[in-house]
Amino acid sequence: MKANFQNIYASSRFASLARKLSFFCENSFVFKQREYFKNSRLSWPELWRNSKFFSTLSSGLDRLRPQIQSGFLDKLTLLLFFIIFLFTPFKSWLKNAYPSNLYTFLVPVALVLIAAWLLARKRSEKMHFTLADLGIIFIVFSILVSSFASLFTYGQVKNIYYEGFIWLSYIAVFYIGRTIFQTKKQLKVFLAFNLFIVFVVSLIGIGQLVLGVQTPQWIEGFELIKTRIFSTLDNPIILSGYLNIFFFIALGIFFGLKRLKSKLLLLPLFAVMLVALVLTFSRSGWIGLVLGLLFFFFIYKPKYILGIIPLSIFSLLVIPKSYFYRLTDIFDSRYNAISSVSGRTWTLHNVFHILPHHLLFGVGPGMYGGEVAFKTSPSIVYMEGIQGGAVPMQNTDNQFLQILIEQGLLGILAFIFFALAILCSGLIVYQHLNDRLLKMLALGITTAFFAFLVQSVFTDSLQFPQMALTMFGFLGILLSLPRIKLT
């Protein structure tokens, strides 16, 4: 019976499509970058390293770098990286304990200093230049160009200052992740540490439902539900994105472990995370989870997808009415009426009313759609909207749309390039690593980023450090996996 099923599957169109996609990826231009993961340098980065400009800059940095014993500082940076990931999910609880301006300035600067120290320390290891690094350069270039264009047009320095520091944080933590871990043991401790934190965060969220915490601010008047859990984070959407990231990382770890006992220890974590994710009632989180599972198993073992689809349909049939209606509310005339006046439909029209005047470079970082534009420093750009400054919905609820309006075509192309470079690099790492745990961890992080992008279609993900800072840190770790020492 099993043999017959395998023969039928092997001869099916689905299997043929999977083989063709795999062949295409293996032979595409992007995947030619596999030489990086085989410890051989690409030719043009090598020319760059040996150029007169780079060698002069490099020798200058060597003279500036203090000649001190680095063991203590290396341990300190590792400890700070752990603290960052401990602090991130509890940021909302602590935000009243310090001035927000101080936090906005100190955290990015601290991250940049840590990243600079690590890059200086690891320079001798010749960290290879990848397409993801090129994507970072494109993003920085786009931010700078749109910032200068915005300053000439509007002159609101404060918005660019705040938004610039947000992006600086993400880029810094990305490069910290690239360089912080040297051994598999260090990485395993870090993963266990984070999975324990997400377990606690999930339990706190479930506790909110048990205690009957009311959350009317995130529920439409016609909906049947009373509580959408948010745990220690700012809102249910952030919690769903945070849980999705760690769900897929844990899924990769689960399939990478060899011992059954270790796998059984992860089952309670999966149960708690799934329950918490469902109770957020975040449609974007649910969609990210389902599409992420399809992506994960399409790459890992496509035949498992045959079980996911009927399981999803069965889940829709057995869940309570209130849960099912949360999915179908988007087709409700009452929901559409609200959306057209003060929701996603309205903001889509507003963005495309303003965009034609700023198509190439956008209105500037922090000038529309994010936390900075309507909370930290109210933006003058809203005056150009379809209601002349009356803005019933300030944010975009779509990260791609926000980048498009703030940084124009230049910015959205840079971000898409970076996203595709990360996805392709992640699949390359997955294909070429021999250690099973690191291999499956690579697939887990890549899938987490895929789910992050899916959720970004329905929310402005990069405005929430609890999601974005965590994601960028793990993206850095993803690209560091080929050089992790196994002993």
Protein backbone atom coordinates (compact mmCIF):
# COMPACT_ATOMS: atom_id res chain seq x y z
CA MET A 1 0.00 0.00 0.00
CA LYS A 2 2.79 2.38 1.00
CA ALA A 3 4.78 1.51 -2.13
CA ASN A 4 1.72 2.14 -4.33
CA PHE A 5 1.17 5.55 -2.72
CA GLN A 6 4.82 6.48 -3.27
CA ASN A 7 4.61 5.43 -6.94
CA ILE A 8 1.41 7.42 -7.46
CA TYR A 9 2.93 10.45 -5.76
CA ALA A 10 6.20 10.19 -7.72
CA SER A 11 4.30 10.15 -11.02
CA SER A 12 1.88 12.94 -10.08
CA ARG A 13 1.92 16.46 -11.50
CA PHE A 14 2.56 17.81 -8.01
CA ALA A 15 5.81 15.86 -7.68
CA SER A 16 6.80 16.87 -11.20
CA LEU A 17 6.25 20.54 -10.34
CA ALA A 18 8.34 20.16 -7.16
CA ARG A 19 11.21 18.61 -9.17
CA LYS A 20 11.06 21.35 -11.81
CA LEU A 21 11.07 24.08 -9.15
CA SER A 22 14.02 22.45 -7.39
CA PHE A 23 15.92 22.20 -10.70
CA PHE A 24 15.17 25.83 -11.52
CA CYS A 25 16.37 27.01 -8.11
CA GLU A 26 19.54 24.94 -8.30
CA ASN A 27 20.45 26.46 -11.67
CA SER A 28 19.21 30.02 -11.24
CA PHE A 29 21.50 33.04 -11.01
CA VAL A 30 20.66 33.66 -7.37
CA PHE A 31 21.39 30.10 -6.32
CA LYS A 32 24.80 30.26 -7.95
CA GLN A 33 25.77 32.03 -4.76
CA ARG A 34 26.13 28.58 -3.22
CA GLU A 35 29.90 29.04 -3.52
CA TYR A 36 29.65 31.29 -0.47
CA PHE A 37 28.36 28.37 1.57
CA LYS A 38 31.08 26.07 0.27
CA ASN A 39 33.71 28.35 1.82
CA SER A 40 34.94 29.73 -1.50
CA ARG A 41 34.83 33.46 -2.16
CA LEU A 42 32.92 35.13 -4.96
CA SER A 43 35.16 36.95 -7.40
CA TRP A 44 33.75 40.49 -7.23
CA PRO A 45 33.71 40.75 -3.40
CA GLU A 46 37.31 39.54 -3.46
CA LEU A 47 38.20 42.34 -5.87
CA TRP A 48 36.45 44.77 -3.53
CA ARG A 49 38.41 43.52 -0.51
CA ASN A 50 41.70 43.85 -2.35
CA SER A 51 40.92 47.30 -3.69
CA LYS A 52 43.04 50.26 -2.60
CA PHE A 53 40.08 51.99 -0.96
CA PHE A 54 39.08 48.99 1.14
CA SER A 55 42.63 48.15 2.23
CA THR A 56 43.22 51.78 3.31
CA LEU A 57 39.94 51.85 5.24
CA SER A 58 40.69 48.46 6.79
CA SER A 59 44.16 49.42 7.98
CA GLY A 60 42.73 52.63 9.44
CA LEU A 61 40.18 50.67 11.46
CA ASP A 62 42.95 48.38 12.73
CA ARG A 63 44.85 51.37 14.08
CA LEU A 64 41.73 52.81 15.74
CA ARG A 65 40.68 49.52 17.33
CA PRO A 66 41.90 49.24 20.93
CA GLN A 67 44.48 46.54 21.48
CA ILE A 68 42.98 44.91 24.57
CA GLN A 69 42.08 41.43 25.72
CA SER A 70 38.79 40.67 23.98
CA GLY A 71 37.58 37.63 25.92
CA PHE A 72 35.59 39.63 28.45
CA LEU A 73 34.04 41.90 25.80
CA ASP A 74 33.08 38.94 23.64
CA LYS A 75 31.26 37.38 26.60
CA LEU A 76 29.64 40.71 27.41
CA THR A 77 28.30 41.14 23.86
CA LEU A 78 26.90 37.61 23.97
CA LEU A 79 25.17 38.39 27.28
CA LEU A 80 23.73 41.62 25.85
CA PHE A 81 22.33 39.69 22.86
CA PHE A 82 20.51 37.38 25.26
CA ILE A 83 19.18 40.41 27.17
CA ILE A 84 17.88 41.99 23.96
CA PHE A 85 15.78 38.92 23.20
CA LEU A 86 14.62 38.74 26.82
CA PHE A 87 13.70 42.42 26.86
CA THR A 88 11.88 42.49 23.50
CA PRO A 89 8.63 40.66 24.41
CA PHE A 90 8.39 42.53 27.72
CA LYS A 91 9.08 45.97 26.25
CA SER A 92 5.42 46.99 26.52
CA TRP A 93 5.36 46.33 30.27
CA LEU A 94 8.49 48.39 30.84
CA LYS A 95 7.82 51.30 28.47
CA ASN A 96 6.63 53.60 31.26
CA ALA A 97 9.81 53.03 33.28
CA TYR A 98 12.02 55.19 31.05
CA PRO A 99 11.66 58.23 28.75
CA SER A 100 10.67 57.07 25.26
CA ASN A 101 13.09 59.52 23.61
CA LEU A 102 15.96 58.04 25.62
CA TYR A 103 14.97 54.52 24.62
CA THR A 104 14.64 55.46 20.94
CA PHE A 105 18.18 56.82 20.99
CA LEU A 106 20.05 54.48 23.35
CA VAL A 107 18.88 51.07 22.08
CA PRO A 108 19.88 51.61 18.41
CA VAL A 109 23.20 53.18 19.44
CA ALA A 110 23.93 50.25 21.78
CA LEU A 111 23.10 47.76 19.02
CA VAL A 112 25.29 49.59 16.52
CA LEU A 113 28.24 49.65 18.94
CA ILE A 114 27.87 45.91 19.61
CA ALA A 115 27.63 45.18 15.87
CA ALA A 116 30.67 47.37 15.13
CA TRP A 117 32.72 45.62 17.83
CA LEU A 118 31.80 42.16 16.56
CA LEU A 119 32.47 43.02 12.93
CA ALA A 120 35.86 44.45 13.90
CA ARG A 121 36.67 41.36 15.97
CA LYS A 122 35.59 38.91 13.28
CA ARG A 123 37.10 40.74 10.33
CA SER A 124 40.00 38.32 10.27
CA GLU A 125 37.53 35.52 9.51
CA LYS A 126 36.64 37.20 6.19
CA MET A 127 32.87 37.31 6.55
CA HIS A 128 31.62 36.83 3.02
CA PHE A 129 29.55 39.39 1.16
CA THR A 130 26.13 38.02 0.15
CA LEU A 131 23.11 39.18 -1.80
CA ALA A 132 21.45 39.93 1.55
CA ASP A 133 24.27 42.40 2.33
CA LEU A 134 23.71 43.99 -1.06
CA GLY A 135 20.02 44.26 -0.17
CA ILE A 136 20.94 46.04 3.08
CA ILE A 137 23.05 48.52 1.07
CA PHE A 138 20.11 49.16 -1.28
CA ILE A 139 17.77 49.72 1.70
CA VAL A 140 20.19 52.17 3.37
CA PHE A 141 20.66 54.01 0.07
CA SER A 142 16.89 54.24 -0.41
CA ILE A 143 16.38 55.56 3.15
CA LEU A 144 19.05 58.22 2.66
CA VAL A 145 17.71 59.38 -0.72
CA SER A 146 14.07 59.53 0.46
CA SER A 147 15.19 61.32 3.65
CA PHE A 148 16.96 64.09 1.73
CA ALA A 149 14.01 64.42 -0.67
CA SER A 150 11.62 64.66 2.29
CA LEU A 151 13.74 67.26 4.09
CA PHE A 152 13.69 69.50 1.03
CA THR A 153 9.91 69.06 0.69
CA TYR A 154 8.63 69.07 4.28
CA GLY A 155 11.54 69.84 6.60
CA GLN A 156 10.35 67.50 9.39
CA VAL A 157 13.66 66.29 10.79
CA LYS A 158 12.23 64.55 13.85
CA ASN A 159 10.30 61.95 11.82
CA ILE A 160 13.36 60.95 9.83
CA TYR A 161 15.45 60.87 13.01
CA TYR A 162 13.09 58.43 14.76
CA GLU A 163 12.40 56.21 11.75
CA GLY A 164 16.11 56.15 10.89
CA PHE A 165 16.96 54.83 14.34
CA ILE A 166 14.31 52.10 13.98
CA TRP A 167 15.90 50.87 10.74
CA LEU A 168 19.35 51.24 12.30
CA SER A 169 18.29 48.89 15.11
CA TYR A 170 17.16 46.21 12.65
CA ILE A 171 20.30 46.39 10.54
CA ALA A 172 22.55 46.34 13.64
CA VAL A 173 20.84 43.30 15.19
CA PHE A 174 21.04 41.57 11.79
CA TYR A 175 24.83 41.88 11.78
CA ILE A 176 25.07 40.95 15.45
CA GLY A 177 23.27 37.73 14.56
CA ARG A 178 25.75 37.20 11.71
CA THR A 179 28.75 37.23 14.03
CA ILE A 180 27.71 36.50 17.63
CA PHE A 181 27.72 32.68 17.72
CA GLN A 182 30.79 30.55 17.16
CA THR A 183 29.72 27.09 18.26
CA LYS A 184 26.66 24.89 18.03
CA LYS A 185 26.53 24.67 21.84
CA GLN A 186 26.20 28.46 22.19
CA LEU A 187 23.42 28.48 19.63
CA LYS A 188 21.50 25.65 21.32
CA VAL A 189 21.57 27.51 24.66
CA PHE A 190 20.27 30.65 22.94
CA LEU A 191 17.46 28.71 21.23
CA ALA A 192 16.41 27.01 24.47
CA PHE A 193 16.45 30.40 26.21
CA ASN A 194 14.13 31.93 23.61
CA LEU A 195 11.75 28.98 23.45
CA PHE A 196 11.31 29.19 27.22
CA ILE A 197 10.52 32.91 26.94
CA VAL A 198 7.91 32.33 24.22
CA PHE A 199 6.38 29.56 26.35
CA VAL A 200 5.95 32.01 29.25
CA VAL A 201 4.59 34.73 26.93
CA SER A 202 2.03 32.26 25.50
CA LEU A 203 0.89 31.19 28.99
CA ILE A 204 0.41 34.81 30.05
CA GLY A 205 -1.74 35.38 26.97
CA ILE A 206 -3.91 32.33 27.65
CA GLY A 207 -4.26 33.54 31.22
CA GLN A 208 -5.85 36.74 29.93
CA LEU A 209 -8.69 34.71 28.42
CA VAL A 210 -9.10 32.66 31.60
CA LEU A 211 -9.28 35.84 33.69
CA GLY A 212 -11.77 37.38 31.27
CA VAL A 213 -9.71 40.41 30.24
CA GLN A 214 -11.92 42.54 27.96
CA THR A 215 -10.36 44.01 24.80
CA PRO A 216 -13.09 46.04 23.04
CA GLN A 217 -10.52 48.27 21.33
CA TRP A 218 -9.63 45.41 18.95
CA ILE A 219 -13.12 44.04 18.36
CA GLU A 220 -15.81 45.37 16.01
CA GLY A 221 -19.21 45.92 17.59
CA PHE A 222 -20.92 43.19 15.57
CA GLU A 223 -18.38 40.46 16.43
CA LEU A 224 -19.22 37.68 18.89
CA ILE A 225 -15.86 37.50 20.66
CA LYS A 226 -15.02 39.43 23.85
CA THR A 227 -11.29 38.88 24.31
CA ARG A 228 -8.33 38.92 21.95
CA ILE A 229 -5.23 38.01 23.95
CA PHE A 230 -2.09 40.13 23.65
CA SER A 231 0.07 38.82 26.54
CA THR A 232 2.97 41.19 27.31
CA LEU A 233 2.94 42.79 23.87
CA ASP A 234 1.12 45.89 22.61
CA ASN A 235 -1.70 44.18 20.71
CA PRO A 236 -2.90 40.77 19.41
CA ILE A 237 -1.38 41.26 15.95
CA ILE A 238 2.12 41.69 17.38
CA LEU A 239 1.65 38.61 19.57
CA SER A 240 0.53 36.53 16.57
CA GLY A 241 3.57 37.63 14.55
CA TYR A 242 5.92 36.96 17.46
CA LEU A 243 4.42 33.48 17.96
CA ASN A 244 4.61 32.66 14.25
CA ILE A 245 8.34 33.41 14.19
CA PHE A 246 9.08 31.04 17.05
CA PHE A 247 6.55 28.42 15.95
CA PHE A 248 8.45 27.81 12.71
CA ILE A 249 11.85 28.01 14.40
CA ALA A 250 10.63 25.39 16.90
CA LEU A 251 9.22 23.32 14.03
CA GLY A 252 12.63 23.30 12.35
CA ILE A 253 14.29 22.30 15.62
CA PHE A 254 11.69 19.53 16.12
CA PHE A 255 12.53 17.89 12.79
CA GLY A 256 16.24 18.49 13.35
CA LEU A 257 16.38 16.64 16.67
CA LYS A 258 17.27 12.95 16.60
CA ARG A 259 16.23 11.87 20.11
CA LEU A 260 12.54 11.14 20.66
CA LYS A 261 12.75 12.39 24.24
CA SER A 262 13.90 15.81 23.08
CA LYS A 263 11.07 15.99 20.56
CA LEU A 264 8.48 15.14 23.20
CA LEU A 265 9.69 18.07 25.31
CA LEU A 266 8.69 20.41 22.47
CA LEU A 267 5.10 19.15 22.22
CA PRO A 268 3.76 21.22 25.17
CA LEU A 269 5.41 24.29 23.63
CA PHE A 270 3.65 23.69 20.30
CA ALA A 271 0.32 23.18 22.07
CA VAL A 272 0.60 26.39 24.11
CA MET A 273 1.80 28.47 21.14
CA LEU A 274 -0.99 27.22 18.87
CA VAL A 275 -3.68 27.90 21.47
CA ALA A 276 -2.30 31.38 22.08
CA LEU A 277 -2.07 32.09 18.35
CA VAL A 278 -5.70 31.06 17.83
CA LEU A 279 -6.84 33.22 20.75
CA THR A 280 -5.23 36.34 19.28
CA PHE A 281 -8.00 36.16 16.65
CA SER A 282 -5.50 37.70 14.26
CA ARG A 283 -6.51 36.78 10.73
CA SER A 284 -3.09 37.79 9.40
CA GLY A 285 -1.44 35.53 11.99
CA TRP A 286 -3.66 32.60 11.01
CA ILE A 287 -2.97 33.10 7.30
CA GLY A 288 0.77 33.39 8.00
CA LEU A 289 0.64 30.11 9.95
CA VAL A 290 -1.19 28.13 7.25
CA LEU A 291 0.87 29.45 4.33
CA GLY A 292 4.05 29.01 6.38
CA LEU A 293 3.20 25.35 7.01
CA LEU A 294 2.61 24.82 3.28
CA PHE A 295 5.96 26.49 2.51
CA PHE A 296 7.84 24.49 5.15
CA PHE A 297 6.56 21.09 4.07
CA PHE A 298 6.76 21.91 0.35
CA ILE A 299 10.51 22.33 0.84
CA TYR A 300 10.96 19.57 3.43
CA LYS A 301 8.58 16.79 2.39
CA PRO A 302 5.84 17.82 -0.10
CA LYS A 303 3.75 14.72 0.55
CA TYR A 304 2.95 16.03 4.04
CA ILE A 305 0.94 18.83 2.40
CA LEU A 306 -1.68 16.23 1.51
CA GLY A 307 -2.36 15.96 5.24
CA ILE A 308 -2.29 19.69 6.01
CA ILE A 309 -5.07 20.63 3.59
CA PRO A 310 -7.76 18.24 4.91
CA LEU A 311 -6.66 19.03 8.50
CA SER A 312 -7.22 22.75 7.85
CA ILE A 313 -10.67 22.07 6.37
CA PHE A 314 -11.57 19.84 9.34
CA SER A 315 -10.45 22.58 11.76
CA LEU A 316 -12.83 25.05 10.11
CA LEU A 317 -15.71 22.62 10.61
CA VAL A 318 -15.12 22.00 14.32
CA ILE A 319 -14.07 25.42 15.63
CA PRO A 320 -16.68 27.51 17.52
CA LYS A 321 -18.89 29.89 15.54
CA SER A 322 -17.19 32.99 16.90
CA TYR A 323 -13.84 31.75 15.59
CA PHE A 324 -15.25 30.92 12.16
CA TYR A 325 -17.06 34.26 11.89
CA ARG A 326 -13.79 36.03 12.62
CA LEU A 327 -12.55 34.62 9.30
CA THR A 328 -15.71 35.42 7.34
CA ASP A 329 -16.21 38.93 8.79
CA ILE A 330 -14.24 40.41 5.90
CA PHE A 331 -17.17 39.52 3.63
CA ASP A 332 -19.70 41.13 5.97
CA SER A 333 -21.30 44.33 4.62
CA ARG A 334 -20.86 45.97 8.03
CA TYR A 335 -17.13 45.27 7.99
CA ASN A 336 -16.80 46.59 4.43
CA ALA A 337 -18.72 49.75 5.37
CA ILE A 338 -16.31 50.43 8.25
CA SER A 339 -13.27 49.58 6.10
CA SER A 340 -14.31 52.01 3.36
CA VAL A 341 -14.74 54.88 5.84
CA SER A 342 -11.96 54.28 8.39
CA GLY A 343 -10.20 51.01 7.55
CA ARG A 344 -7.93 49.30 5.04
CA THR A 345 -9.99 50.29 2.00
CA TRP A 346 -9.91 53.95 3.02
CA THR A 347 -6.17 54.00 3.69
CA LEU A 348 -5.49 52.28 0.34
CA HIS A 349 -7.37 55.07 -1.46
CA ASN A 350 -5.60 57.72 0.62
CA VAL A 351 -2.14 56.33 -0.13
CA PHE A 352 -2.77 56.18 -3.87
CA HIS A 353 -4.15 59.71 -3.74
CA ILE A 354 -0.85 61.00 -2.30
CA LEU A 355 1.61 58.60 -4.00
CA PRO A 356 1.59 59.98 -7.61
CA HIS A 357 3.24 63.20 -6.37
CA HIS A 358 6.06 61.26 -4.65
CA LEU A 359 6.29 58.12 -6.77
CA LEU A 360 10.07 57.73 -7.09
CA PHE A 361 11.39 58.63 -3.62
CA GLY A 362 8.24 58.68 -1.45
CA VAL A 363 7.27 61.19 1.23
CA GLY A 364 10.16 60.22 3.51
CA PRO A 365 10.84 57.74 6.36
CA GLY A 366 8.49 58.18 9.29
CA MET A 367 6.18 60.49 7.34
CA TYR A 368 3.21 58.18 6.69
CA GLY A 369 1.62 55.06 8.07
CA GLY A 370 3.83 54.07 10.98
CA GLU A 371 4.06 54.66 14.71
CA VAL A 372 6.37 57.64 14.14
CA ALA A 373 4.11 59.43 11.66
CA PHE A 374 1.01 59.66 13.82
CA LYS A 375 2.20 59.14 17.41
CA THR A 376 5.79 60.24 17.96
CA SER A 377 5.83 63.20 15.56
CA PRO A 378 2.55 63.93 13.68
CA SER A 379 3.30 64.21 9.97
CA ILE A 380 2.30 67.06 7.68
CA VAL A 381 1.87 64.59 4.81
CA TYR A 382 -1.62 63.68 6.01
CA MET A 383 -2.72 67.17 4.90
CA GLU A 384 -2.33 65.97 1.30
CA GLY A 385 -4.88 63.17 1.79
CA ILE A 386 -8.32 62.79 0.27
CA GLN A 387 -9.91 64.43 3.34
CA GLY A 388 -7.38 67.24 3.67
CA GLY A 389 -5.89 66.26 7.02
CA ALA A 390 -8.86 64.41 8.51
CA VAL A 391 -7.35 60.95 8.90
CA PRO A 392 -9.65 58.29 10.38
CA MET A 393 -6.91 55.67 9.92
CA GLN A 394 -3.29 56.86 10.09
CA ASN A 395 -1.47 53.58 9.52
CA THR A 396 -1.39 51.52 6.32
CA ASP A 397 -1.92 48.00 7.74
CA ASN A 398 0.40 46.85 4.95
CA GLN A 399 4.18 47.03 5.30
CA PHE A 400 4.78 46.97 1.55
CA LEU A 401 2.32 49.84 1.08
CA GLN A 402 4.01 51.80 3.86
CA ILE A 403 7.46 51.40 2.32
CA LEU A 404 6.03 52.39 -1.07
CA ILE A 405 4.49 55.64 0.22
CA GLU A 406 7.46 56.51 2.46
CA GLN A 407 10.37 55.51 0.20
CA GLY A 408 8.76 55.30 -3.23
CA LEU A 409 9.56 52.81 -5.96
CA LEU A 410 13.24 52.92 -5.01
CA GLY A 411 12.46 51.75 -1.46
CA ILE A 412 9.96 49.02 -2.29
CA LEU A 413 12.29 47.53 -4.93
CA ALA A 414 15.17 47.55 -2.42
CA PHE A 415 13.06 45.81 0.23
CA ILE A 416 11.74 43.18 -2.20
CA PHE A 417 15.30 42.51 -3.36
CA PHE A 418 16.41 42.02 0.26
CA ALA A 419 13.45 39.73 1.03
CA LEU A 420 14.08 37.53 -2.02
CA ALA A 421 17.82 37.43 -1.26
CA ILE A 422 17.09 36.20 2.28
CA LEU A 423 14.63 33.53 1.10
CA CYS A 424 17.04 32.26 -1.55
CA SER A 425 20.02 32.34 0.83
CA GLY A 426 18.02 30.47 3.45
CA LEU A 427 17.17 27.70 0.99
CA ILE A 428 20.82 27.51 -0.09
CA VAL A 429 21.90 27.10 3.53
CA TYR A 430 19.25 24.41 4.02
CA GLN A 431 20.43 22.48 0.96
CA HIS A 432 24.14 22.51 1.74
CA LEU A 433 24.40 22.03 5.50
CA ASN A 434 25.18 18.49 6.64
CA ASP A 435 24.37 18.82 10.34
CA ARG A 436 20.69 17.89 10.68
CA LEU A 437 19.81 20.31 13.48
CA LEU A 438 21.41 23.32 11.79
CA LYS A 439 19.93 22.28 8.44
CA MET A 440 16.37 22.15 9.78
CA LEU A 441 16.91 25.31 11.83
CA ALA A 442 17.81 27.05 8.56
CA LEU A 443 14.52 25.91 7.04
CA GLY A 444 12.64 26.97 10.18
CA ILE A 445 14.08 30.51 10.15
CA THR A 446 13.50 30.83 6.39
CA THR A 447 9.87 29.78 6.85
CA ALA A 448 9.48 32.19 9.77
CA PHE A 449 10.60 35.01 7.48
CA PHE A 450 8.18 33.83 4.78
CA ALA A 451 5.32 33.94 7.31
CA PHE A 452 6.58 37.37 8.45
CA LEU A 453 6.30 38.63 4.86
CA VAL A 454 2.82 37.13 4.49
CA GLN A 455 1.68 38.87 7.65
CA SER A 456 3.28 42.10 6.42
CA VAL A 457 0.68 42.19 3.64
CA PHE A 458 -1.96 42.77 6.34
CA THR A 459 -0.05 44.81 8.93
CA ASP A 460 2.91 47.21 9.15
CA SER A 461 5.22 44.61 10.73
CA LEU A 462 8.39 46.71 10.74
CA GLN A 463 6.74 49.22 13.08
CA PHE A 464 6.68 46.63 15.86
CA PRO A 465 10.17 45.90 17.29
CA GLN A 466 8.85 42.82 19.11
CA MET A 467 8.34 41.22 15.69
CA ALA A 468 10.91 42.92 13.49
CA LEU A 469 13.88 43.06 15.88
CA THR A 470 13.40 39.36 16.65
CA MET A 471 13.09 38.48 12.98
CA PHE A 472 16.16 40.42 11.85
CA GLY A 473 18.26 38.91 14.63
CA PHE A 474 17.37 35.41 13.47
CA LEU A 475 17.99 36.34 9.83
CA GLY A 476 21.55 37.19 10.83
CA ILE A 477 21.82 33.84 12.61
CA LEU A 478 20.51 32.11 9.47
CA LEU A 479 23.39 33.44 7.38
CA SER A 480 25.91 32.52 10.10
CA LEU A 481 24.96 28.82 10.22
CA PRO A 482 27.49 27.61 7.58
CA ARG A 483 30.42 28.73 9.75
CA ILE A 484 29.08 27.45 13.10
CA LYS A 485 31.53 25.00 14.69
CA LEU A 486 29.91 21.70 15.57
CA THR A 487 32.16 21.03 18.59
